[in-house]
Amino acid sequence: MKKNALVCLFLLAAAVATRLFPHSWNFAPVTAVAIVAAVYLPLRMAIALPLAIRFVSDVFLGFFGLKLMIAVYLAHLFGVLAGLWVKRNKSSYRVLAAPAASAIVFFLVTNFAFLYPPSAYTHNLSGVISAYINGLPFLRGTLLGDIVYTVALIYGYQAILYFQKNYKLAEIKKI
């Protein structure tokens, strides 16, 4: 349990830092951490971790409309579901498909949520199309960030376990 808590604190601190430092639009590890946490940590920690990352970083970056924030926070939780799918079989296909699917769900949910404020977009098909078109630059960063961070975290951890087992490196226990 203590090791899980330390892993959570490390992932929380690292992910918050990447959100606070300048980065490309939406190239952040929040959903990737949700996926990885669902693969390696207990479910309650996997759910709490992306929400904590968003909350702590939003304390510094600023909060925005409550209904929009709820949509953003919940959209990150799709990463937990995707991580549970990866956990059943850590194939390369799943490790790549999970963050890609999570990024697309995040894009669809959050851009649709931006239709809610009365002044943002018109509440018709034209408004929906405008919301999604205006969100496309963010989708690229989300896709790249989710895939890069997920692959780096999962395969990085697997490499540590492999080298530890085969080359008698310092003891790092499985999470």
N, C-alpha and C. Protein backbone atom coordinates (compact mmCIF):
# COMPACT_ATOMS: atom_id res chain seq x y z
N MET A 1 0.82 -1.19 0.00
CA MET A 1 0.00 0.00 0.00
C MET A 1 0.87 1.27 0.00
N LYS A 2 1.95 1.25 0.80
CA LYS A 2 2.82 2.42 0.85
C LYS A 2 3.48 2.66 -0.51
N LYS A 3 3.86 1.57 -1.19
CA LYS A 3 4.48 1.71 -2.51
C LYS A 3 3.48 2.33 -3.49
N ASN A 4 2.22 1.88 -3.42
CA ASN A 4 1.19 2.45 -4.30
C ASN A 4 1.01 3.94 -4.02
N ALA A 5 1.02 4.32 -2.75
CA ALA A 5 0.86 5.73 -2.40
C ALA A 5 2.04 6.55 -2.92
N LEU A 6 3.25 6.00 -2.81
CA LEU A 6 4.43 6.71 -3.33
C LEU A 6 4.37 6.85 -4.84
N VAL A 7 3.93 5.79 -5.52
CA VAL A 7 3.79 5.85 -6.98
C VAL A 7 2.76 6.92 -7.35
N CYS A 8 1.64 6.95 -6.62
CA CYS A 8 0.61 7.96 -6.88
C CYS A 8 1.15 9.37 -6.68
N LEU A 9 1.88 9.58 -5.60
CA LEU A 9 2.44 10.91 -5.34
C LEU A 9 3.43 11.32 -6.42
N PHE A 10 4.26 10.37 -6.86
CA PHE A 10 5.21 10.67 -7.93
C PHE A 10 4.47 11.03 -9.22
N LEU A 11 3.49 10.21 -9.61
CA LEU A 11 2.74 10.48 -10.83
C LEU A 11 1.98 11.79 -10.73
N LEU A 12 1.41 12.06 -9.56
CA LEU A 12 0.68 13.31 -9.34
C LEU A 12 1.61 14.50 -9.51
N ALA A 13 2.75 14.47 -8.84
CA ALA A 13 3.70 15.59 -8.92
C ALA A 13 4.23 15.78 -10.34
N ALA A 14 4.59 14.69 -10.99
CA ALA A 14 5.13 14.78 -12.35
C ALA A 14 4.08 15.31 -13.33
N ALA A 15 2.86 14.80 -13.23
CA ALA A 15 1.81 15.22 -14.16
C ALA A 15 1.40 16.67 -13.92
N VAL A 16 1.30 17.07 -12.66
CA VAL A 16 0.97 18.47 -12.36
C VAL A 16 2.07 19.38 -12.90
N ALA A 17 3.32 18.99 -12.71
CA ALA A 17 4.43 19.80 -13.21
C ALA A 17 4.36 19.96 -14.72
N THR A 18 4.04 18.89 -15.43
CA THR A 18 3.97 19.00 -16.90
C THR A 18 2.82 19.89 -17.33
N ARG A 19 1.76 19.96 -16.55
CA ARG A 19 0.66 20.87 -16.89
C ARG A 19 1.02 22.32 -16.58
N LEU A 20 1.85 22.53 -15.57
CA LEU A 20 2.18 23.90 -15.16
C LEU A 20 3.27 24.53 -16.01
N PHE A 21 4.21 23.71 -16.50
CA PHE A 21 5.28 24.24 -17.33
C PHE A 21 4.77 24.41 -18.76
N PRO A 22 5.33 25.34 -19.49
CA PRO A 22 4.87 25.55 -20.88
C PRO A 22 4.98 24.26 -21.70
N HIS A 23 3.92 24.00 -22.44
CA HIS A 23 3.88 22.80 -23.29
C HIS A 23 2.95 23.07 -24.47
N SER A 24 3.05 22.22 -25.46
CA SER A 24 2.18 22.33 -26.63
C SER A 24 0.73 22.12 -26.19
N TRP A 25 -0.20 22.67 -26.92
CA TRP A 25 -1.62 22.58 -26.58
C TRP A 25 -2.02 21.15 -26.25
N ASN A 26 -2.48 20.95 -25.05
CA ASN A 26 -3.01 19.67 -24.55
C ASN A 26 -2.01 18.52 -24.58
N PHE A 27 -0.75 18.78 -24.75
CA PHE A 27 0.26 17.72 -24.68
C PHE A 27 0.61 17.52 -23.21
N ALA A 28 -0.28 16.81 -22.52
CA ALA A 28 -0.14 16.62 -21.07
C ALA A 28 -0.46 15.16 -20.74
N PRO A 29 0.05 14.67 -19.62
CA PRO A 29 -0.06 13.24 -19.32
C PRO A 29 -1.27 12.83 -18.47
N VAL A 30 -2.27 13.68 -18.32
CA VAL A 30 -3.36 13.37 -17.38
C VAL A 30 -4.06 12.06 -17.75
N THR A 31 -4.51 11.93 -18.98
CA THR A 31 -5.20 10.70 -19.38
C THR A 31 -4.24 9.52 -19.43
N ALA A 32 -3.01 9.75 -19.83
CA ALA A 32 -2.02 8.66 -19.84
C ALA A 32 -1.81 8.12 -18.43
N VAL A 33 -1.76 9.01 -17.46
CA VAL A 33 -1.62 8.57 -16.07
C VAL A 33 -2.85 7.77 -15.64
N ALA A 34 -4.04 8.19 -16.09
CA ALA A 34 -5.26 7.43 -15.78
C ALA A 34 -5.17 6.02 -16.34
N ILE A 35 -4.70 5.90 -17.57
CA ILE A 35 -4.56 4.58 -18.21
C ILE A 35 -3.55 3.73 -17.45
N VAL A 36 -2.39 4.28 -17.20
CA VAL A 36 -1.32 3.54 -16.52
C VAL A 36 -1.74 3.17 -15.10
N ALA A 37 -2.40 4.08 -14.41
CA ALA A 37 -2.86 3.79 -13.05
C ALA A 37 -3.87 2.65 -13.05
N ALA A 38 -4.75 2.60 -14.05
CA ALA A 38 -5.72 1.51 -14.12
C ALA A 38 -5.04 0.18 -14.40
N VAL A 39 -3.92 0.21 -15.10
CA VAL A 39 -3.19 -1.02 -15.40
C VAL A 39 -2.46 -1.55 -14.16
N TYR A 40 -1.86 -0.67 -13.37
CA TYR A 40 -0.95 -1.11 -12.32
C TYR A 40 -1.41 -0.86 -10.88
N LEU A 41 -2.38 0.00 -10.67
CA LEU A 41 -2.78 0.38 -9.31
C LEU A 41 -4.21 -0.08 -9.01
N PRO A 42 -4.59 -0.07 -7.73
CA PRO A 42 -5.98 -0.38 -7.39
C PRO A 42 -6.93 0.63 -8.05
N LEU A 43 -8.15 0.18 -8.34
CA LEU A 43 -9.11 0.98 -9.09
C LEU A 43 -9.39 2.33 -8.43
N ARG A 44 -9.54 2.35 -7.12
CA ARG A 44 -9.87 3.63 -6.46
C ARG A 44 -8.74 4.65 -6.65
N MET A 45 -7.50 4.18 -6.66
CA MET A 45 -6.37 5.09 -6.91
C MET A 45 -6.36 5.53 -8.37
N ALA A 46 -6.70 4.62 -9.26
CA ALA A 46 -6.73 4.95 -10.69
C ALA A 46 -7.79 6.00 -10.98
N ILE A 47 -8.89 5.96 -10.28
CA ILE A 47 -9.95 6.96 -10.46
C ILE A 47 -9.54 8.29 -9.84
N ALA A 48 -8.98 8.23 -8.65
CA ALA A 48 -8.64 9.46 -7.92
C ALA A 48 -7.48 10.22 -8.55
N LEU A 49 -6.53 9.51 -9.13
CA LEU A 49 -5.31 10.15 -9.61
C LEU A 49 -5.54 11.20 -10.70
N PRO A 50 -6.24 10.90 -11.81
CA PRO A 50 -6.42 11.95 -12.83
C PRO A 50 -7.26 13.12 -12.31
N LEU A 51 -8.21 12.83 -11.43
CA LEU A 51 -9.02 13.91 -10.85
C LEU A 51 -8.16 14.81 -9.97
N ALA A 52 -7.26 14.20 -9.20
CA ALA A 52 -6.36 14.97 -8.35
C ALA A 52 -5.38 15.80 -9.19
N ILE A 53 -4.88 15.22 -10.27
CA ILE A 53 -3.97 15.95 -11.15
C ILE A 53 -4.66 17.20 -11.70
N ARG A 54 -5.88 17.02 -12.20
CA ARG A 54 -6.63 18.16 -12.74
C ARG A 54 -6.87 19.20 -11.66
N PHE A 55 -7.33 18.75 -10.50
CA PHE A 55 -7.69 19.69 -9.44
C PHE A 55 -6.47 20.48 -8.97
N VAL A 56 -5.38 19.79 -8.66
CA VAL A 56 -4.19 20.48 -8.15
C VAL A 56 -3.65 21.45 -9.20
N SER A 57 -3.58 21.03 -10.44
CA SER A 57 -3.06 21.94 -11.47
C SER A 57 -4.04 23.08 -11.74
N ASP A 58 -5.35 22.82 -11.63
CA ASP A 58 -6.33 23.90 -11.82
C ASP A 58 -6.28 24.93 -10.70
N VAL A 59 -5.82 24.52 -9.52
CA VAL A 59 -5.62 25.49 -8.43
C VAL A 59 -4.64 26.57 -8.90
N PHE A 60 -3.61 26.17 -9.63
CA PHE A 60 -2.60 27.11 -10.12
C PHE A 60 -3.00 27.76 -11.45
N LEU A 61 -3.64 26.99 -12.33
CA LEU A 61 -3.97 27.50 -13.65
C LEU A 61 -5.29 28.25 -13.69
N GLY A 62 -6.14 28.00 -12.72
CA GLY A 62 -7.44 28.66 -12.67
C GLY A 62 -8.56 27.70 -13.02
N PHE A 63 -9.66 27.90 -12.34
CA PHE A 63 -10.86 27.12 -12.61
C PHE A 63 -11.72 27.88 -13.60
N PHE A 64 -12.64 27.18 -14.25
CA PHE A 64 -13.55 27.82 -15.19
C PHE A 64 -14.94 27.28 -14.90
N GLY A 65 -15.91 27.55 -15.73
CA GLY A 65 -17.30 27.17 -15.48
C GLY A 65 -17.46 25.76 -14.94
N LEU A 66 -18.23 25.63 -13.87
CA LEU A 66 -18.38 24.35 -13.17
C LEU A 66 -18.87 23.24 -14.10
N LYS A 67 -19.87 23.49 -14.93
CA LYS A 67 -20.39 22.44 -15.81
C LYS A 67 -19.35 22.02 -16.84
N LEU A 68 -18.57 22.96 -17.32
CA LEU A 68 -17.50 22.61 -18.26
C LEU A 68 -16.41 21.81 -17.56
N MET A 69 -16.08 22.22 -16.35
CA MET A 69 -15.04 21.50 -15.60
C MET A 69 -15.47 20.06 -15.31
N ILE A 70 -16.73 19.87 -14.97
CA ILE A 70 -17.23 18.52 -14.71
C ILE A 70 -17.05 17.66 -15.96
N ALA A 71 -17.37 18.21 -17.13
CA ALA A 71 -17.21 17.46 -18.38
C ALA A 71 -15.74 17.10 -18.62
N VAL A 72 -14.84 18.05 -18.37
CA VAL A 72 -13.41 17.81 -18.58
C VAL A 72 -12.91 16.74 -17.61
N TYR A 73 -13.26 16.87 -16.34
CA TYR A 73 -12.81 15.91 -15.34
C TYR A 73 -13.34 14.51 -15.65
N LEU A 74 -14.62 14.41 -15.99
CA LEU A 74 -15.20 13.10 -16.30
C LEU A 74 -14.62 12.51 -17.58
N ALA A 75 -14.30 13.36 -18.55
CA ALA A 75 -13.72 12.86 -19.80
C ALA A 75 -12.37 12.18 -19.55
N HIS A 76 -11.62 12.67 -18.58
CA HIS A 76 -10.35 12.03 -18.25
C HIS A 76 -10.56 10.63 -17.67
N LEU A 77 -11.70 10.40 -17.06
CA LEU A 77 -11.95 9.09 -16.45
C LEU A 77 -12.15 7.99 -17.49
N PHE A 78 -12.42 8.36 -18.74
CA PHE A 78 -12.48 7.34 -19.78
C PHE A 78 -11.13 6.64 -19.88
N GLY A 79 -10.06 7.35 -19.56
CA GLY A 79 -8.73 6.74 -19.55
C GLY A 79 -8.63 5.58 -18.58
N VAL A 80 -9.34 5.66 -17.47
CA VAL A 80 -9.35 4.55 -16.51
C VAL A 80 -10.00 3.33 -17.16
N LEU A 81 -11.13 3.53 -17.83
CA LEU A 81 -11.78 2.41 -18.53
C LEU A 81 -10.86 1.82 -19.59
N ALA A 82 -10.20 2.69 -20.33
CA ALA A 82 -9.26 2.21 -21.36
C ALA A 82 -8.10 1.45 -20.72
N GLY A 83 -7.64 1.92 -19.57
CA GLY A 83 -6.56 1.24 -18.85
C GLY A 83 -6.97 -0.14 -18.37
N LEU A 84 -8.22 -0.27 -17.94
CA LEU A 84 -8.70 -1.60 -17.52
C LEU A 84 -8.72 -2.56 -18.71
N TRP A 85 -9.00 -2.03 -19.89
CA TRP A 85 -8.97 -2.84 -21.11
C TRP A 85 -7.53 -3.27 -21.41
N VAL A 86 -6.58 -2.36 -21.25
CA VAL A 86 -5.16 -2.68 -21.48
C VAL A 86 -4.69 -3.70 -20.45
N LYS A 87 -5.16 -3.57 -19.23
CA LYS A 87 -4.72 -4.45 -18.14
C LYS A 87 -4.99 -5.92 -18.46
N ARG A 88 -6.08 -6.20 -19.17
CA ARG A 88 -6.41 -7.59 -19.52
C ARG A 88 -5.40 -8.21 -20.47
N ASN A 89 -4.76 -7.37 -21.30
CA ASN A 89 -3.78 -7.87 -22.26
C ASN A 89 -2.93 -6.69 -22.70
N LYS A 90 -1.71 -6.62 -22.22
CA LYS A 90 -0.84 -5.47 -22.52
C LYS A 90 -0.19 -5.59 -23.90
N SER A 91 -0.98 -5.84 -24.91
CA SER A 91 -0.44 -5.92 -26.27
C SER A 91 -0.11 -4.51 -26.77
N SER A 92 0.78 -4.45 -27.73
CA SER A 92 1.15 -3.15 -28.31
C SER A 92 -0.06 -2.46 -28.91
N TYR A 93 -0.93 -3.24 -29.53
CA TYR A 93 -2.16 -2.67 -30.10
C TYR A 93 -2.97 -1.96 -29.03
N ARG A 94 -3.19 -2.61 -27.90
CA ARG A 94 -4.00 -2.00 -26.84
C ARG A 94 -3.30 -0.81 -26.21
N VAL A 95 -1.99 -0.91 -26.05
CA VAL A 95 -1.23 0.21 -25.46
C VAL A 95 -1.31 1.44 -26.36
N LEU A 96 -1.44 1.27 -27.66
CA LEU A 96 -1.59 2.40 -28.57
C LEU A 96 -3.06 2.80 -28.76
N ALA A 97 -3.95 1.82 -28.81
CA ALA A 97 -5.37 2.11 -29.05
C ALA A 97 -6.03 2.79 -27.86
N ALA A 98 -5.66 2.42 -26.65
CA ALA A 98 -6.30 2.99 -25.46
C ALA A 98 -6.10 4.51 -25.37
N PRO A 99 -4.88 5.02 -25.49
CA PRO A 99 -4.75 6.48 -25.43
C PRO A 99 -5.37 7.19 -26.64
N ALA A 100 -5.34 6.55 -27.81
CA ALA A 100 -5.96 7.16 -28.98
C ALA A 100 -7.47 7.28 -28.78
N ALA A 101 -8.10 6.21 -28.31
CA ALA A 101 -9.54 6.23 -28.05
C ALA A 101 -9.87 7.24 -26.94
N SER A 102 -9.04 7.27 -25.92
CA SER A 102 -9.27 8.22 -24.82
C SER A 102 -9.18 9.66 -25.30
N ALA A 103 -8.23 9.95 -26.16
CA ALA A 103 -8.08 11.30 -26.69
C ALA A 103 -9.29 11.70 -27.52
N ILE A 104 -9.79 10.77 -28.31
CA ILE A 104 -10.96 11.07 -29.15
C ILE A 104 -12.20 11.28 -28.28
N VAL A 105 -12.39 10.44 -27.27
CA VAL A 105 -13.53 10.63 -26.35
C VAL A 105 -13.40 11.97 -25.64
N PHE A 106 -12.20 12.31 -25.17
CA PHE A 106 -11.97 13.59 -24.50
C PHE A 106 -12.33 14.75 -25.44
N PHE A 107 -11.89 14.67 -26.68
CA PHE A 107 -12.19 15.69 -27.68
C PHE A 107 -13.70 15.83 -27.89
N LEU A 108 -14.38 14.71 -28.09
CA LEU A 108 -15.82 14.75 -28.35
C LEU A 108 -16.60 15.30 -27.16
N VAL A 109 -16.28 14.83 -25.97
CA VAL A 109 -17.01 15.26 -24.77
C VAL A 109 -16.74 16.73 -24.46
N THR A 110 -15.49 17.11 -24.42
CA THR A 110 -15.18 18.48 -23.99
C THR A 110 -15.60 19.52 -25.01
N ASN A 111 -15.47 19.23 -26.29
CA ASN A 111 -15.90 20.22 -27.28
C ASN A 111 -17.41 20.32 -27.35
N PHE A 112 -18.11 19.23 -27.12
CA PHE A 112 -19.57 19.31 -27.06
C PHE A 112 -20.00 20.10 -25.83
N ALA A 113 -19.27 19.94 -24.73
CA ALA A 113 -19.60 20.67 -23.49
C ALA A 113 -19.45 22.18 -23.68
N PHE A 114 -18.57 22.60 -24.57
CA PHE A 114 -18.40 24.03 -24.78
C PHE A 114 -19.57 24.64 -25.54
N LEU A 115 -20.52 23.82 -25.98
CA LEU A 115 -21.75 24.35 -26.56
C LEU A 115 -22.67 24.88 -25.46
N TYR A 116 -22.46 24.43 -24.23
CA TYR A 116 -23.38 24.78 -23.15
C TYR A 116 -23.43 26.28 -22.85
N PRO A 117 -22.31 26.98 -22.68
CA PRO A 117 -22.43 28.41 -22.36
C PRO A 117 -23.16 29.13 -23.49
N PRO A 118 -24.14 29.96 -23.16
CA PRO A 118 -24.97 30.60 -24.19
C PRO A 118 -24.17 31.44 -25.19
N SER A 119 -23.06 32.03 -24.77
CA SER A 119 -22.34 32.93 -25.67
C SER A 119 -21.26 32.24 -26.50
N ALA A 120 -20.91 31.01 -26.19
CA ALA A 120 -19.80 30.36 -26.87
C ALA A 120 -20.13 30.02 -28.33
N TYR A 121 -21.15 29.26 -28.55
CA TYR A 121 -21.54 28.83 -29.89
C TYR A 121 -23.06 28.82 -29.98
N THR A 122 -23.56 28.90 -31.20
CA THR A 122 -25.01 28.77 -31.38
C THR A 122 -25.41 27.34 -31.08
N HIS A 123 -26.60 27.17 -30.59
CA HIS A 123 -27.08 25.84 -30.20
C HIS A 123 -27.81 25.18 -31.36
N ASN A 124 -27.07 24.91 -32.41
CA ASN A 124 -27.59 24.21 -33.58
C ASN A 124 -26.44 23.45 -34.23
N LEU A 125 -26.70 22.83 -35.36
CA LEU A 125 -25.67 22.03 -36.03
C LEU A 125 -24.45 22.87 -36.39
N SER A 126 -24.66 24.11 -36.77
CA SER A 126 -23.54 25.00 -37.09
C SER A 126 -22.65 25.22 -35.87
N GLY A 127 -23.26 25.37 -34.71
CA GLY A 127 -22.50 25.55 -33.47
C GLY A 127 -21.70 24.32 -33.11
N VAL A 128 -22.30 23.14 -33.30
CA VAL A 128 -21.60 21.88 -33.02
C VAL A 128 -20.38 21.75 -33.94
N ILE A 129 -20.59 22.01 -35.21
CA ILE A 129 -19.49 21.91 -36.18
C ILE A 129 -18.39 22.92 -35.84
N SER A 130 -18.78 24.13 -35.50
CA SER A 130 -17.78 25.16 -35.12
C SER A 130 -16.98 24.74 -33.90
N ALA A 131 -17.67 24.18 -32.90
CA ALA A 131 -16.99 23.75 -31.68
C ALA A 131 -15.94 22.69 -31.99
N TYR A 132 -16.31 21.72 -32.83
CA TYR A 132 -15.36 20.66 -33.15
C TYR A 132 -14.23 21.15 -34.05
N ILE A 133 -14.52 22.02 -34.98
CA ILE A 133 -13.46 22.56 -35.84
C ILE A 133 -12.47 23.38 -35.01
N ASN A 134 -12.98 24.20 -34.11
CA ASN A 134 -12.10 25.02 -33.27
C ASN A 134 -11.30 24.17 -32.28
N GLY A 135 -11.76 22.97 -32.00
CA GLY A 135 -11.04 22.09 -31.09
C GLY A 135 -9.98 21.22 -31.75
N LEU A 136 -9.95 21.20 -33.09
CA LEU A 136 -8.99 20.33 -33.79
C LEU A 136 -7.53 20.57 -33.42
N PRO A 137 -7.07 21.82 -33.27
CA PRO A 137 -5.66 21.99 -32.88
C PRO A 137 -5.35 21.35 -31.52
N PHE A 138 -6.32 21.31 -30.64
CA PHE A 138 -6.12 20.70 -29.33
C PHE A 138 -6.13 19.17 -29.43
N LEU A 139 -6.90 18.63 -30.38
CA LEU A 139 -6.96 17.17 -30.55
C LEU A 139 -5.59 16.61 -30.91
N ARG A 140 -4.87 17.31 -31.76
CA ARG A 140 -3.53 16.83 -32.15
C ARG A 140 -2.63 16.68 -30.92
N GLY A 141 -2.59 17.70 -30.08
CA GLY A 141 -1.77 17.64 -28.87
C GLY A 141 -2.25 16.57 -27.91
N THR A 142 -3.56 16.42 -27.79
CA THR A 142 -4.12 15.41 -26.90
C THR A 142 -3.74 14.01 -27.38
N LEU A 143 -3.92 13.75 -28.66
CA LEU A 143 -3.56 12.44 -29.22
C LEU A 143 -2.08 12.14 -29.02
N LEU A 144 -1.24 13.08 -29.40
CA LEU A 144 0.20 12.86 -29.27
C LEU A 144 0.62 12.70 -27.82
N GLY A 145 0.13 13.57 -26.97
CA GLY A 145 0.49 13.50 -25.55
C GLY A 145 0.04 12.21 -24.90
N ASP A 146 -1.22 11.84 -25.14
CA ASP A 146 -1.73 10.61 -24.53
C ASP A 146 -0.96 9.38 -25.00
N ILE A 147 -0.69 9.32 -26.30
CA ILE A 147 0.03 8.15 -26.83
C ILE A 147 1.48 8.13 -26.34
N VAL A 148 2.18 9.25 -26.46
CA VAL A 148 3.59 9.30 -26.05
C VAL A 148 3.75 8.99 -24.57
N TYR A 149 2.96 9.65 -23.73
CA TYR A 149 3.10 9.43 -22.28
C TYR A 149 2.68 8.01 -21.89
N THR A 150 1.61 7.48 -22.49
CA THR A 150 1.18 6.13 -22.15
C THR A 150 2.25 5.11 -22.53
N VAL A 151 2.75 5.20 -23.74
CA VAL A 151 3.79 4.27 -24.20
C VAL A 151 5.03 4.40 -23.33
N ALA A 152 5.45 5.62 -23.05
CA ALA A 152 6.65 5.83 -22.23
C ALA A 152 6.48 5.26 -20.82
N LEU A 153 5.33 5.49 -20.22
CA LEU A 153 5.12 5.01 -18.85
C LEU A 153 4.99 3.49 -18.79
N ILE A 154 4.20 2.91 -19.68
CA ILE A 154 3.99 1.46 -19.63
C ILE A 154 5.27 0.72 -20.02
N TYR A 155 5.86 1.08 -21.15
CA TYR A 155 7.06 0.35 -21.58
C TYR A 155 8.28 0.71 -20.75
N GLY A 156 8.32 1.91 -20.22
CA GLY A 156 9.40 2.27 -19.30
C GLY A 156 9.35 1.42 -18.04
N TYR A 157 8.17 1.25 -17.49
CA TYR A 157 8.02 0.41 -16.30
C TYR A 157 8.33 -1.05 -16.63
N GLN A 158 7.87 -1.54 -17.77
CA GLN A 158 8.16 -2.92 -18.18
C GLN A 158 9.66 -3.12 -18.38
N ALA A 159 10.34 -2.12 -18.93
CA ALA A 159 11.80 -2.22 -19.12
C ALA A 159 12.52 -2.29 -17.79
N ILE A 160 12.09 -1.49 -16.83
CA ILE A 160 12.69 -1.55 -15.49
C ILE A 160 12.53 -2.94 -14.91
N LEU A 161 11.33 -3.50 -15.00
CA LEU A 161 11.10 -4.85 -14.46
C LEU A 161 11.95 -5.88 -15.18
N TYR A 162 12.07 -5.77 -16.50
CA TYR A 162 12.86 -6.71 -17.29
C TYR A 162 14.33 -6.66 -16.88
N PHE A 163 14.89 -5.45 -16.84
CA PHE A 163 16.31 -5.32 -16.49
C PHE A 163 16.58 -5.72 -15.06
N GLN A 164 15.65 -5.43 -14.19
CA GLN A 164 15.81 -5.83 -12.79
C GLN A 164 15.87 -7.35 -12.69
N LYS A 165 14.99 -8.02 -13.41
CA LYS A 165 14.92 -9.48 -13.35
C LYS A 165 16.14 -10.12 -14.01
N ASN A 166 16.54 -9.62 -15.15
CA ASN A 166 17.58 -10.27 -15.94
C ASN A 166 19.00 -9.78 -15.67
N TYR A 167 19.15 -8.63 -15.09
CA TYR A 167 20.49 -8.09 -14.88
C TYR A 167 20.77 -7.72 -13.44
N LYS A 168 19.93 -8.18 -12.55
CA LYS A 168 20.14 -8.00 -11.11
C LYS A 168 20.40 -6.54 -10.73
N LEU A 169 19.56 -5.66 -11.25
CA LEU A 169 19.66 -4.26 -10.87
C LEU A 169 19.07 -4.06 -9.49
N ALA A 170 19.15 -2.86 -9.00
CA ALA A 170 18.60 -2.55 -7.68
C ALA A 170 17.15 -3.02 -7.60
N GLU A 171 16.76 -3.44 -6.46
CA GLU A 171 15.44 -4.01 -6.25
C GLU A 171 14.33 -2.98 -6.46
N ILE A 172 13.47 -3.24 -7.43
CA ILE A 172 12.26 -2.45 -7.64
C ILE A 172 11.13 -3.46 -7.71
N LYS A 173 10.27 -3.43 -6.73
CA LYS A 173 9.20 -4.42 -6.67
C LYS A 173 8.06 -4.01 -7.59
N LYS A 174 7.32 -5.01 -8.05
CA LYS A 174 6.14 -4.75 -8.85
C LYS A 174 5.16 -3.93 -8.04
N ILE A 175 4.48 -3.05 -8.71
CA ILE A 175 3.47 -2.23 -8.03
C ILE A 175 2.26 -3.10 -7.75
